[in-house]
Amino acid sequence: MSSWRYEFKGAADRVFAKLPKAAKAAILNALDRLVFELSNPAEPKVSNVKKLGGRGDEWRLRVGDYRVVFERNGDRLIILVLHVGRRRDVYRD
């Protein structure tokens, strides 16, 4: 069984640190669930994940009003979190 983990990239880490406590807890729970699902292929998939079209190998995880944009780095088993924020802001470059 492979073990995935997640890391926050610089700007995503700073934005995450400023979020309300409840939003942080919900996002961390969703990321933990995603890691669990990726590490256990037989587990039913309940994470709300979608590949983003036109943005390379970026995926989004929906957590209430917040979105977590990430890349899956398969050779190192890392989910690299690129952006965290509200839906209206997270897709802007």
Foldseek 3Di string as FASTA:
>chain_A
DDFAEEDEPDVQVVVLVPDDPVVNVQVVVLRVVVRVCVVDVVDDDDWPKDADPPPPQWMWTDRPQKIWIWHQDVVVRYTYTYHIDGPVPGPDD
